[in-house]
């Protein structure tokens, strides 16, 4: 009965809620990992060669797409 009610009200059952929370944590960790790798690559590239104009344009565009991050 509880599972049927959850489907009708779009409220996750406790088991599904745990899965959703784990999924959100995994997504957050993945996003943080990606950000760390990007930052490392940027710093490494800037130290090695300086920022190239076409790279700068790409990064500006990506920041605009991602909402200013």
Protein backbone atom coordinates (compact mmCIF):
# COMPACT_ATOMS: atom_id res chain seq x y z
CA UNK A 1 0.00 0.00 0.00
CA UNK A 2 2.79 2.40 0.90
CA UNK A 3 4.56 1.85 -2.42
CA UNK A 4 1.32 2.50 -4.33
CA UNK A 5 0.72 5.70 -2.37
CA UNK A 6 4.28 6.85 -3.08
CA UNK A 7 3.78 6.31 -6.81
CA UNK A 8 0.55 8.30 -6.78
CA UNK A 9 1.94 11.20 -4.77
CA UNK A 10 5.41 11.12 -6.36
CA UNK A 11 6.90 10.76 -2.87
CA UNK A 12 9.75 8.26 -2.86
CA UNK A 13 9.57 5.31 -0.52
CA UNK A 14 12.30 5.21 2.13
CA UNK A 15 14.30 2.72 0.07
CA UNK A 16 14.07 4.86 -3.06
CA UNK A 17 14.89 7.98 -1.06
CA UNK A 18 18.15 6.38 0.03
CA UNK A 19 18.97 5.56 -3.59
CA UNK A 20 18.22 9.14 -4.63
CA UNK A 21 20.45 10.57 -1.90
CA UNK A 22 23.31 8.22 -2.85
CA UNK A 23 22.89 9.17 -6.50
CA UNK A 24 23.00 12.88 -5.66
CA UNK A 25 26.14 12.40 -3.57
CA UNK A 26 27.79 10.47 -6.39
CA UNK A 27 26.87 13.21 -8.87
CA UNK A 28 28.21 15.90 -6.54
CA UNK A 29 31.47 13.99 -6.05
CA UNK A 30 31.82 13.52 -9.80
CA UNK A 31 31.22 17.23 -10.40
CA UNK A 32 33.84 18.14 -7.77
CA UNK A 33 36.31 15.70 -9.33
CA UNK A 34 35.76 17.18 -12.79
CA UNK A 35 36.21 20.70 -11.43
CA UNK A 36 39.45 19.71 -9.70
CA UNK A 37 40.85 18.13 -12.87
CA UNK A 38 39.90 21.18 -14.96
CA UNK A 39 41.52 23.52 -12.45
CA UNK A 40 44.68 21.42 -12.36
CA UNK A 41 44.88 21.34 -16.15
CA UNK A 42 44.35 25.10 -16.34
CA UNK A 43 47.09 25.83 -13.82
CA UNK A 44 49.48 23.41 -15.50
CA UNK A 45 48.80 24.87 -18.92
CA UNK A 46 49.14 28.45 -17.67
CA UNK A 47 52.48 27.64 -16.06
CA UNK A 48 53.78 25.84 -19.13
CA UNK A 49 52.64 28.10 -21.96
CA UNK A 50 50.44 30.89 -20.70
CA UNK A 51 46.85 31.16 -21.77
CA UNK A 52 46.35 30.95 -25.50
CA UNK A 53 43.66 33.18 -27.07
CA UNK A 54 41.64 30.33 -28.56
CA UNK A 55 41.72 28.48 -25.21
CA UNK A 56 40.57 31.62 -23.41
CA UNK A 57 37.65 32.00 -25.81
CA UNK A 58 36.63 28.38 -25.26
CA UNK A 59 36.83 28.71 -21.48
CA UNK A 60 34.74 31.89 -21.54
CA UNK A 61 32.12 30.10 -23.61
CA UNK A 62 32.11 27.06 -21.30
CA UNK A 63 31.76 29.31 -18.22
CA UNK A 64 28.84 31.09 -19.88
CA UNK A 65 27.17 27.75 -20.68
CA UNK A 66 27.76 26.42 -17.15
CA UNK A 67 26.40 29.55 -15.52
CA UNK A 68 29.52 31.46 -14.60
CA UNK A 69 31.35 28.76 -12.69
